[in-house]
Amino acid sequence: MKVKPKSPHELKLMRKSGLITAKALKKTLEAVKAGVSLIELDDIAREEILRLGGNPSFMSVPGYEWTTCLTVNDEVVHGIPRDVILKDGDVLGIDLGAVYQGYHTDAAWSILVSEEGRVKSEESEKKERFLEVGEKALWDGIKQAVEGNKIGDISEAIQSEVERRGGYSVVRSLVGHGVGKNLHEEPEVPGFGKAGTGLKLMKNMTLAIEAIYTEGKSGVVMDSDGWTIRSEDGTLGGLFEMSIIVLKDKAEVLTDWRGV
């Protein structure tokens, strides 16, 4: 496997791409509420990416015609935006990416749809905990993305939070990846594995680190649409993802929507 670190010029373009992705993700998340359709959210994401000077990265995938992948409840990844209206209590995953001057970044976030003023229930608290575990697993993995560590250090950090502490299941057949001139590059970055194993991380490598997991067992199935992947046992799916640059002491997160 030949994985090259990015040049300073490439990193400059990826930082701009990441900013576009982060702002589009934030704009889309802010629009989420009961009564909004998945098609509306996809339109918001596309318009924001184009407004900021990028193009939708996912449209570079052969046969994919949308800006986002939107997953609801037991859907895990690659859900097609469609005429589905969100309801109070739905778990929604938003996955999107931008390409800027030939360089891609990729990010995803899962949230609980809730009506304003709704009183928390035992069920909503259960779903919130499910999402909190996935978010923490993502950041735990990112902390390991430093020069000299190995892919397995990222993988074990994610798996430890999701499975050992959270009691949920990492999906084995879906993984994070390198990102840059292509949306999906080498190396693969699984959300499960053993610390100290795998490819050694080099400074200025660029990765899309993902926590992809389910509330129940790890098995997933493909829908008849040929894109949407959902949990085999019908339990909730969760997805958190950020594009990062591997550095010496701390990864640089390119797509953190919380700070834009």
C-alpha atoms as a PDB file:
ATOM      1  CA  MET A   1       0.000   0.000   0.000  1.00  0.00           C
ATOM      2  CA  LYS A   2       1.475   3.339  -1.109  1.00  0.00           C
ATOM      3  CA  VAL A   3       0.124   6.275   0.915  1.00  0.00           C
ATOM      4  CA  LYS A   4       1.730   9.681   0.384  1.00  0.00           C
ATOM      5  CA  PRO A   5       1.414  12.631   2.750  1.00  0.00           C
ATOM      6  CA  LYS A   6      -0.142  15.734   1.210  1.00  0.00           C
ATOM      7  CA  SER A   7       1.987  18.685   0.100  1.00  0.00           C
ATOM      8  CA  PRO A   8       1.578  22.152   1.668  1.00  0.00           C
ATOM      9  CA  HIS A   9      -0.383  23.277  -1.413  1.00  0.00           C
ATOM     10  CA  GLU A  10      -2.681  20.257  -1.205  1.00  0.00           C
ATOM     11  CA  LEU A  11      -3.277  20.865   2.502  1.00  0.00           C
ATOM     12  CA  LYS A  12      -4.203  24.480   1.782  1.00  0.00           C
ATOM     13  CA  LEU A  13      -6.873  23.325  -0.664  1.00  0.00           C
ATOM     14  CA  MET A  14      -8.106  20.660   1.750  1.00  0.00           C
ATOM     15  CA  ARG A  15      -8.464  23.237   4.532  1.00  0.00           C
ATOM     16  CA  LYS A  16     -10.703  25.294   2.251  1.00  0.00           C
ATOM     17  CA  SER A  17     -12.637  22.184   1.237  1.00  0.00           C
ATOM     18  CA  GLY A  18     -13.020  21.240   4.902  1.00  0.00           C
ATOM     19  CA  LEU A  19     -14.359  24.671   5.804  1.00  0.00           C
ATOM     20  CA  ILE A  20     -16.991  24.384   3.080  1.00  0.00           C
ATOM     21  CA  THR A  21     -17.973  20.910   4.290  1.00  0.00           C
ATOM     22  CA  ALA A  22     -18.160  22.084   7.914  1.00  0.00           C
ATOM     23  CA  LYS A  23     -20.331  25.097   7.089  1.00  0.00           C
ATOM     24  CA  ALA A  24     -22.668  23.028   4.920  1.00  0.00           C
ATOM     25  CA  LEU A  25     -23.022  20.411   7.649  1.00  0.00           C
ATOM     26  CA  LYS A  26     -23.769  23.094  10.239  1.00  0.00           C
ATOM     27  CA  LYS A  27     -26.382  24.745   8.003  1.00  0.00           C
ATOM     28  CA  THR A  28     -28.072  21.403   7.384  1.00  0.00           C
ATOM     29  CA  LEU A  29     -28.046  20.413  11.054  1.00  0.00           C
ATOM     30  CA  GLU A  30     -29.598  23.752  11.992  1.00  0.00           C
ATOM     31  CA  ALA A  31     -32.507  23.048   9.633  1.00  0.00           C
ATOM     32  CA  VAL A  32     -33.381  19.705  11.217  1.00  0.00           C
ATOM     33  CA  LYS A  33     -36.756  19.638  12.968  1.00  0.00           C
ATOM     34  CA  ALA A  34     -39.939  17.605  12.969  1.00  0.00           C
ATOM     35  CA  GLY A  35     -41.872  18.264   9.748  1.00  0.00           C
ATOM     36  CA  VAL A  36     -38.834  18.816   7.504  1.00  0.00           C
ATOM     37  CA  SER A  37     -38.301  16.426   4.594  1.00  0.00           C
ATOM     38  CA  LEU A  38     -35.045  14.729   3.635  1.00  0.00           C
ATOM     39  CA  ILE A  39     -35.278  16.339   0.192  1.00  0.00           C
ATOM     40  CA  GLU A  40     -35.380  19.793   1.802  1.00  0.00           C
ATOM     41  CA  LEU A  41     -32.257  19.028   3.825  1.00  0.00           C
ATOM     42  CA  ASP A  42     -30.407  17.820   0.727  1.00  0.00           C
ATOM     43  CA  ASP A  43     -31.331  21.047  -1.082  1.00  0.00           C
ATOM     44  CA  ILE A  44     -30.009  23.142   1.821  1.00  0.00           C
ATOM     45  CA  ALA A  45     -26.691  21.287   1.827  1.00  0.00           C
ATOM     46  CA  ARG A  46     -26.239  21.568  -1.933  1.00  0.00           C
ATOM     47  CA  GLU A  47     -27.053  25.282  -2.035  1.00  0.00           C
ATOM     48  CA  GLU A  48     -24.615  26.023   0.792  1.00  0.00           C
ATOM     49  CA  ILE A  49     -21.750  24.070  -0.779  1.00  0.00           C
ATOM     50  CA  LEU A  50     -22.261  25.826  -4.115  1.00  0.00           C
ATOM     51  CA  ARG A  51     -22.617  29.240  -2.427  1.00  0.00           C
ATOM     52  CA  LEU A  52     -19.260  28.761  -0.738  1.00  0.00           C
ATOM     53  CA  GLY A  53     -17.483  27.906  -3.989  1.00  0.00           C
ATOM     54  CA  GLY A  54     -17.360  24.128  -3.745  1.00  0.00           C
ATOM     55  CA  ASN A  55     -19.167  21.264  -5.415  1.00  0.00           C
ATOM     56  CA  PRO A  56     -20.963  18.308  -3.830  1.00  0.00           C
ATOM     57  CA  SER A  57     -18.369  15.588  -3.384  1.00  0.00           C
ATOM     58  CA  PHE A  58     -20.839  12.711  -3.316  1.00  0.00           C
ATOM     59  CA  MET A  59     -21.994  13.508  -6.868  1.00  0.00           C
ATOM     60  CA  SER A  60     -18.552  12.327  -8.000  1.00  0.00           C
ATOM     61  CA  VAL A  61     -19.589   8.779  -7.042  1.00  0.00           C
ATOM     62  CA  PRO A  62     -20.865   7.035 -10.211  1.00  0.00           C
ATOM     63  CA  GLY A  63     -24.655   6.843 -10.202  1.00  0.00           C
ATOM     64  CA  TYR A  64     -25.178   8.968  -7.077  1.00  0.00           C
ATOM     65  CA  GLU A  65     -27.308  12.044  -7.778  1.00  0.00           C
ATOM     66  CA  TRP A  66     -27.546  13.727  -4.379  1.00  0.00           C
ATOM     67  CA  THR A  67     -25.426  16.015  -2.195  1.00  0.00           C
ATOM     68  CA  THR A  68     -25.980  14.127   1.049  1.00  0.00           C
ATOM     69  CA  CYS A  69     -26.583  10.685   2.432  1.00  0.00           C
ATOM     70  CA  LEU A  70     -29.402  10.890   4.998  1.00  0.00           C
ATOM     71  CA  THR A  71     -30.176   7.978   7.290  1.00  0.00           C
ATOM     72  CA  VAL A  72     -33.159   7.633   9.614  1.00  0.00           C
ATOM     73  CA  ASN A  73     -33.408   5.320  12.640  1.00  0.00           C
ATOM     74  CA  ASP A  74     -32.283   1.802  11.614  1.00  0.00           C
ATOM     75  CA  GLU A  75     -30.497   3.090   8.495  1.00  0.00           C
ATOM     76  CA  VAL A  76     -26.729   3.213   9.020  1.00  0.00           C
ATOM     77  CA  VAL A  77     -25.142   4.771   5.910  1.00  0.00           C
ATOM     78  CA  HIS A  78     -25.798   5.837   2.309  1.00  0.00           C
ATOM     79  CA  GLY A  79     -29.483   6.683   2.724  1.00  0.00           C
ATOM     80  CA  ILE A  80     -30.883   8.439  -0.334  1.00  0.00           C
ATOM     81  CA  PRO A  81     -32.565  11.838   0.234  1.00  0.00           C
ATOM     82  CA  ARG A  82     -36.246  11.227  -0.430  1.00  0.00           C
ATOM     83  CA  ASP A  83     -39.715  12.474   0.383  1.00  0.00           C
ATOM     84  CA  VAL A  84     -39.648  11.336   4.014  1.00  0.00           C
ATOM     85  CA  ILE A  85     -40.851  13.761   6.671  1.00  0.00           C
ATOM     86  CA  LEU A  86     -38.897  13.745   9.928  1.00  0.00           C
ATOM     87  CA  LYS A  87     -40.812  13.057  13.138  1.00  0.00           C
ATOM     88  CA  ASP A  88     -40.155  13.836  16.767  1.00  0.00           C
ATOM     89  CA  GLY A  89     -37.923  11.083  18.157  1.00  0.00           C
ATOM     90  CA  ASP A  90     -36.267  10.099  14.858  1.00  0.00           C
ATOM     91  CA  VAL A  91     -32.502   9.586  14.839  1.00  0.00           C
ATOM     92  CA  LEU A  92     -31.088  11.285  11.746  1.00  0.00           C
ATOM     93  CA  GLY A  93     -27.602  10.885  10.285  1.00  0.00           C
ATOM     94  CA  ILE A  94     -26.315  13.579   7.889  1.00  0.00           C
ATOM     95  CA  ASP A  95     -23.304  12.634   5.754  1.00  0.00           C
ATOM     96  CA  LEU A  96     -21.943  15.090   3.190  1.00  0.00           C
ATOM     97  CA  GLY A  97     -18.767  16.252   1.508  1.00  0.00           C
ATOM     98  CA  ALA A  98     -17.407  19.066  -0.620  1.00  0.00           C
ATOM     99  CA  VAL A  99     -14.790  19.124  -3.342  1.00  0.00           C
ATOM    100  CA  TYR A 100     -12.790  22.329  -3.813  1.00  0.00           C
ATOM    101  CA  GLN A 101     -10.327  22.711  -6.688  1.00  0.00           C
ATOM    102  CA  GLY A 102     -10.073  18.934  -6.930  1.00  0.00           C
ATOM    103  CA  TYR A 103      -9.774  18.114  -3.207  1.00  0.00           C
ATOM    104  CA  HIS A 104     -12.435  16.325  -1.190  1.00  0.00           C
ATOM    105  CA  THR A 105     -13.415  16.362   2.473  1.00  0.00           C
ATOM    106  CA  ASP A 106     -16.094  14.260   4.133  1.00  0.00           C
ATOM    107  CA  ALA A 107     -18.037  14.620   7.392  1.00  0.00           C
ATOM    108  CA  ALA A 108     -21.096  13.190   9.141  1.00  0.00           C
ATOM    109  CA  TRP A 109     -23.127  13.753  12.292  1.00  0.00           C
ATOM    110  CA  SER A 110     -26.130  12.029  13.881  1.00  0.00           C
ATOM    111  CA  ILE A 111     -28.752  13.832  15.956  1.00  0.00           C
ATOM    112  CA  LEU A 112     -32.082  13.246  17.651  1.00  0.00           C
ATOM    113  CA  VAL A 113     -35.017  15.058  16.044  1.00  0.00           C
ATOM    114  CA  SER A 114     -37.045  16.770  18.735  1.00  0.00           C
ATOM    115  CA  GLU A 115     -39.920  19.214  18.911  1.00  0.00           C
ATOM    116  CA  GLU A 116     -39.313  22.461  20.791  1.00  0.00           C
ATOM    117  CA  GLY A 117     -40.420  22.247  24.400  1.00  0.00           C
ATOM    118  CA  ARG A 118     -40.727  18.473  24.422  1.00  0.00           C
ATOM    119  CA  VAL A 119     -40.275  16.851  27.818  1.00  0.00           C
ATOM    120  CA  LYS A 120     -37.523  14.249  27.844  1.00  0.00           C
ATOM    121  CA  SER A 121     -38.658  10.646  28.087  1.00  0.00           C
ATOM    122  CA  GLU A 122     -36.848   7.461  28.967  1.00  0.00           C
ATOM    123  CA  GLU A 123     -36.814   6.580  25.269  1.00  0.00           C
ATOM    124  CA  SER A 124     -35.314   9.930  24.210  1.00  0.00           C
ATOM    125  CA  GLU A 125     -32.649   9.697  26.920  1.00  0.00           C
ATOM    126  CA  LYS A 126     -31.763   6.207  25.662  1.00  0.00           C
ATOM    127  CA  LYS A 127     -31.316   7.567  22.138  1.00  0.00           C
ATOM    128  CA  GLU A 128     -29.291  10.534  23.360  1.00  0.00           C
ATOM    129  CA  ARG A 129     -26.909   8.201  25.185  1.00  0.00           C
ATOM    130  CA  PHE A 130     -26.542   6.135  22.015  1.00  0.00           C
ATOM    131  CA  LEU A 131     -25.488   9.258  20.116  1.00  0.00           C
ATOM    132  CA  GLU A 132     -23.209  10.557  22.878  1.00  0.00           C
ATOM    133  CA  VAL A 133     -21.242   7.295  22.778  1.00  0.00           C
ATOM    134  CA  GLY A 134     -20.724   7.561  19.016  1.00  0.00           C
ATOM    135  CA  GLU A 135     -19.571  11.166  19.212  1.00  0.00           C
ATOM    136  CA  LYS A 136     -17.095  10.363  21.987  1.00  0.00           C
ATOM    137  CA  ALA A 137     -15.809   7.368  20.023  1.00  0.00           C
ATOM    138  CA  LEU A 138     -15.094   9.637  17.055  1.00  0.00           C
ATOM    139  CA  TRP A 139     -13.086  12.112  19.126  1.00  0.00           C
ATOM    140  CA  ASP A 140     -11.283   9.273  20.905  1.00  0.00           C
ATOM    141  CA  GLY A 141     -10.223   7.942  17.508  1.00  0.00           C
ATOM    142  CA  ILE A 142      -9.106  11.374  16.309  1.00  0.00           C
ATOM    143  CA  LYS A 143      -6.895  11.771  19.383  1.00  0.00           C
ATOM    144  CA  GLN A 144      -4.910   8.760  18.156  1.00  0.00           C
ATOM    145  CA  ALA A 145      -4.360  10.224  14.661  1.00  0.00           C
ATOM    146  CA  VAL A 146      -0.861  11.547  15.299  1.00  0.00           C
ATOM    147  CA  GLU A 147       2.479  10.964  13.629  1.00  0.00           C
ATOM    148  CA  GLY A 148       4.057   7.652  14.631  1.00  0.00           C
ATOM    149  CA  ASN A 149       0.865   5.973  15.782  1.00  0.00           C
ATOM    150  CA  LYS A 150      -0.775   3.239  13.717  1.00  0.00           C
ATOM    151  CA  ILE A 151      -4.190   2.785  12.143  1.00  0.00           C
ATOM    152  CA  GLY A 152      -4.982   0.199  14.819  1.00  0.00           C
ATOM    153  CA  ASP A 153      -4.626   2.847  17.525  1.00  0.00           C
ATOM    154  CA  ILE A 154      -7.503   4.788  15.963  1.00  0.00           C
ATOM    155  CA  SER A 155      -9.515   1.613  15.459  1.00  0.00           C
ATOM    156  CA  GLU A 156      -9.165   0.343  19.017  1.00  0.00           C
ATOM    157  CA  ALA A 157     -10.047   3.730  20.495  1.00  0.00           C
ATOM    158  CA  ILE A 158     -13.332   3.795  18.558  1.00  0.00           C
ATOM    159  CA  GLN A 159     -14.177   0.180  19.318  1.00  0.00           C
ATOM    160  CA  SER A 160     -13.415   0.554  23.018  1.00  0.00           C
ATOM    161  CA  GLU A 161     -15.899   3.384  23.457  1.00  0.00           C
ATOM    162  CA  VAL A 162     -18.664   1.907  21.275  1.00  0.00           C
ATOM    163  CA  GLU A 163     -18.506  -1.711  22.407  1.00  0.00           C
ATOM    164  CA  ARG A 164     -16.728  -2.042  25.730  1.00  0.00           C
ATOM    165  CA  ARG A 165     -18.076   1.093  27.383  1.00  0.00           C
ATOM    166  CA  GLY A 166     -21.185   1.773  25.323  1.00  0.00           C
ATOM    167  CA  GLY A 167     -22.439  -1.779  24.875  1.00  0.00           C
ATOM    168  CA  TYR A 168     -23.221  -1.215  21.183  1.00  0.00           C
ATOM    169  CA  SER A 169     -21.661  -2.722  18.020  1.00  0.00           C
ATOM    170  CA  VAL A 170     -19.209  -1.326  15.473  1.00  0.00           C
ATOM    171  CA  VAL A 171     -20.212  -2.263  11.923  1.00  0.00           C
ATOM    172  CA  ARG A 172     -17.371  -4.373  10.516  1.00  0.00           C
ATOM    173  CA  SER A 173     -18.145  -4.015   6.822  1.00  0.00           C
ATOM    174  CA  LEU A 174     -18.014  -0.189   6.754  1.00  0.00           C
ATOM    175  CA  VAL A 175     -14.825   1.758   7.486  1.00  0.00           C
ATOM    176  CA  GLY A 176     -13.191   5.165   7.433  1.00  0.00           C
ATOM    177  CA  HIS A 177     -10.689   5.992   4.703  1.00  0.00           C
ATOM    178  CA  GLY A 178      -8.072   8.281   3.283  1.00  0.00           C
ATOM    179  CA  VAL A 179      -9.401  11.407   1.595  1.00  0.00           C
ATOM    180  CA  GLY A 180      -7.966  14.002  -0.783  1.00  0.00           C
ATOM    181  CA  LYS A 181      -7.843  14.012  -4.587  1.00  0.00           C
ATOM    182  CA  ASN A 182     -10.435  11.258  -4.336  1.00  0.00           C
ATOM    183  CA  LEU A 183     -13.342  10.972  -1.923  1.00  0.00           C
ATOM    184  CA  HIS A 184     -12.139   7.501  -0.944  1.00  0.00           C
ATOM    185  CA  GLU A 185      -8.405   6.801  -0.851  1.00  0.00           C
ATOM    186  CA  GLU A 186      -6.070   4.394   0.921  1.00  0.00           C
ATOM    187  CA  PRO A 187      -5.723   3.556   3.737  1.00  0.00           C
ATOM    188  CA  GLU A 188      -8.843   2.005   5.181  1.00  0.00           C
ATOM    189  CA  VAL A 189      -9.479   3.116   8.779  1.00  0.00           C
ATOM    190  CA  PRO A 190     -11.708   0.535  10.525  1.00  0.00           C
ATOM    191  CA  GLY A 191     -13.641   1.385  13.659  1.00  0.00           C
ATOM    192  CA  PHE A 192     -12.459  -1.848  15.221  1.00  0.00           C
ATOM    193  CA  GLY A 193      -9.031  -3.396  15.690  1.00  0.00           C
ATOM    194  CA  LYS A 194      -5.966  -3.697  17.866  1.00  0.00           C
ATOM    195  CA  ALA A 195      -3.686  -0.873  18.960  1.00  0.00           C
ATOM    196  CA  GLY A 196      -0.169  -1.016  17.570  1.00  0.00           C
ATOM    197  CA  THR A 197      -1.186  -2.737  14.336  1.00  0.00           C
ATOM    198  CA  GLY A 198      -1.620  -1.577  10.775  1.00  0.00           C
ATOM    199  CA  LEU A 199      -0.081   1.223   8.749  1.00  0.00           C
ATOM    200  CA  LYS A 200       2.135   3.720  10.539  1.00  0.00           C
ATOM    201  CA  LEU A 201       0.728   7.249  10.395  1.00  0.00           C
ATOM    202  CA  MET A 202       2.826   9.923   8.733  1.00  0.00           C
ATOM    203  CA  LYS A 203       2.623  13.657   9.213  1.00  0.00           C
ATOM    204  CA  ASN A 204       0.316  15.346   6.659  1.00  0.00           C
ATOM    205  CA  MET A 205      -1.634  12.210   5.811  1.00  0.00           C
ATOM    206  CA  THR A 206      -5.321  13.070   5.437  1.00  0.00           C
ATOM    207  CA  LEU A 207      -8.000  10.722   6.754  1.00  0.00           C
ATOM    208  CA  ALA A 208     -11.767  10.577   7.119  1.00  0.00           C
ATOM    209  CA  ILE A 209     -12.218   8.915  10.508  1.00  0.00           C
ATOM    210  CA  GLU A 210     -15.642   7.339  11.127  1.00  0.00           C
ATOM    211  CA  ALA A 211     -17.554   5.793  13.991  1.00  0.00           C
ATOM    212  CA  ILE A 212     -20.173   3.593  12.285  1.00  0.00           C
ATOM    213  CA  TYR A 213     -22.197   1.526  14.713  1.00  0.00           C
ATOM    214  CA  THR A 214     -25.564   0.093  15.687  1.00  0.00           C
ATOM    215  CA  GLU A 215     -27.551  -0.179  18.878  1.00  0.00           C
ATOM    216  CA  GLY A 216     -27.790  -3.946  18.498  1.00  0.00           C
ATOM    217  CA  LYS A 217     -25.706  -6.447  16.551  1.00  0.00           C
ATOM    218  CA  SER A 218     -23.122  -5.426  13.961  1.00  0.00           C
ATOM    219  CA  GLY A 219     -24.770  -7.006  10.907  1.00  0.00           C
ATOM    220  CA  VAL A 220     -26.120  -4.763   8.135  1.00  0.00           C
ATOM    221  CA  VAL A 221     -28.172  -5.316   4.973  1.00  0.00           C
ATOM    222  CA  MET A 222     -28.571  -3.455   1.692  1.00  0.00           C
ATOM    223  CA  ASP A 223     -31.972  -2.034   0.750  1.00  0.00           C
ATOM    224  CA  SER A 224     -33.542  -2.678  -2.635  1.00  0.00           C
ATOM    225  CA  ASP A 225     -32.581   0.862  -3.736  1.00  0.00           C
ATOM    226  CA  GLY A 226     -28.981  -0.342  -4.027  1.00  0.00           C
ATOM    227  CA  TRP A 227     -27.609   2.383  -1.744  1.00  0.00           C
ATOM    228  CA  THR A 228     -29.188   2.447   1.711  1.00  0.00           C
ATOM    229  CA  ILE A 229     -27.550   0.173   4.286  1.00  0.00           C
ATOM    230  CA  ARG A 230     -29.515  -0.527   7.460  1.00  0.00           C
ATOM    231  CA  SER A 231     -29.021  -2.608  10.590  1.00  0.00           C
ATOM    232  CA  GLU A 232     -29.917  -6.242  10.062  1.00  0.00           C
ATOM    233  CA  ASP A 233     -31.761  -6.462  13.387  1.00  0.00           C
ATOM    234  CA  GLY A 234     -33.713  -3.211  12.991  1.00  0.00           C
ATOM    235  CA  THR A 235     -31.918  -1.347  15.784  1.00  0.00           C
ATOM    236  CA  LEU A 236     -30.702   2.264  15.561  1.00  0.00           C
ATOM    237  CA  GLY A 237     -27.744   3.171  13.375  1.00  0.00           C
ATOM    238  CA  GLY A 238     -25.233   5.882  14.231  1.00  0.00           C
ATOM    239  CA  LEU A 239     -22.598   7.709  12.182  1.00  0.00           C
ATOM    240  CA  PHE A 240     -20.016  10.329  13.172  1.00  0.00           C
ATOM    241  CA  GLU A 241     -17.196  11.356  10.835  1.00  0.00           C
ATOM    242  CA  MET A 242     -14.537  14.049  10.471  1.00  0.00           C
ATOM    243  CA  SER A 243     -11.782  14.658   7.938  1.00  0.00           C
ATOM    244  CA  ILE A 244      -8.412  15.325   9.570  1.00  0.00           C
ATOM    245  CA  ILE A 245      -4.731  15.976   8.938  1.00  0.00           C
ATOM    246  CA  VAL A 246      -2.289  13.794  10.861  1.00  0.00           C
ATOM    247  CA  LEU A 247       0.214  16.025  12.694  1.00  0.00           C
ATOM    248  CA  LYS A 248       2.960  15.454  15.247  1.00  0.00           C
ATOM    249  CA  ASP A 249       1.120  16.043  18.521  1.00  0.00           C
ATOM    250  CA  LYS A 250      -2.549  16.561  17.645  1.00  0.00           C
ATOM    251  CA  ALA A 251      -4.630  15.976  14.536  1.00  0.00           C
ATOM    252  CA  GLU A 252      -5.997  19.021  12.737  1.00  0.00           C
ATOM    253  CA  VAL A 253      -9.752  18.578  12.223  1.00  0.00           C
ATOM    254  CA  LEU A 254     -10.784  20.065   8.876  1.00  0.00           C
ATOM    255  CA  THR A 255     -14.550  19.650   9.094  1.00  0.00           C
ATOM    256  CA  ASP A 256     -15.535  20.531  12.684  1.00  0.00           C
ATOM    257  CA  TRP A 257     -18.877  22.254  12.120  1.00  0.00           C
ATOM    258  CA  ARG A 258     -19.099  23.300  15.777  1.00  0.00           C
ATOM    259  CA  GLY A 259     -16.525  26.070  15.369  1.00  0.00           C
ATOM    260  CA  VAL A 260     -17.552  27.700  12.074  1.00  0.00           C
END
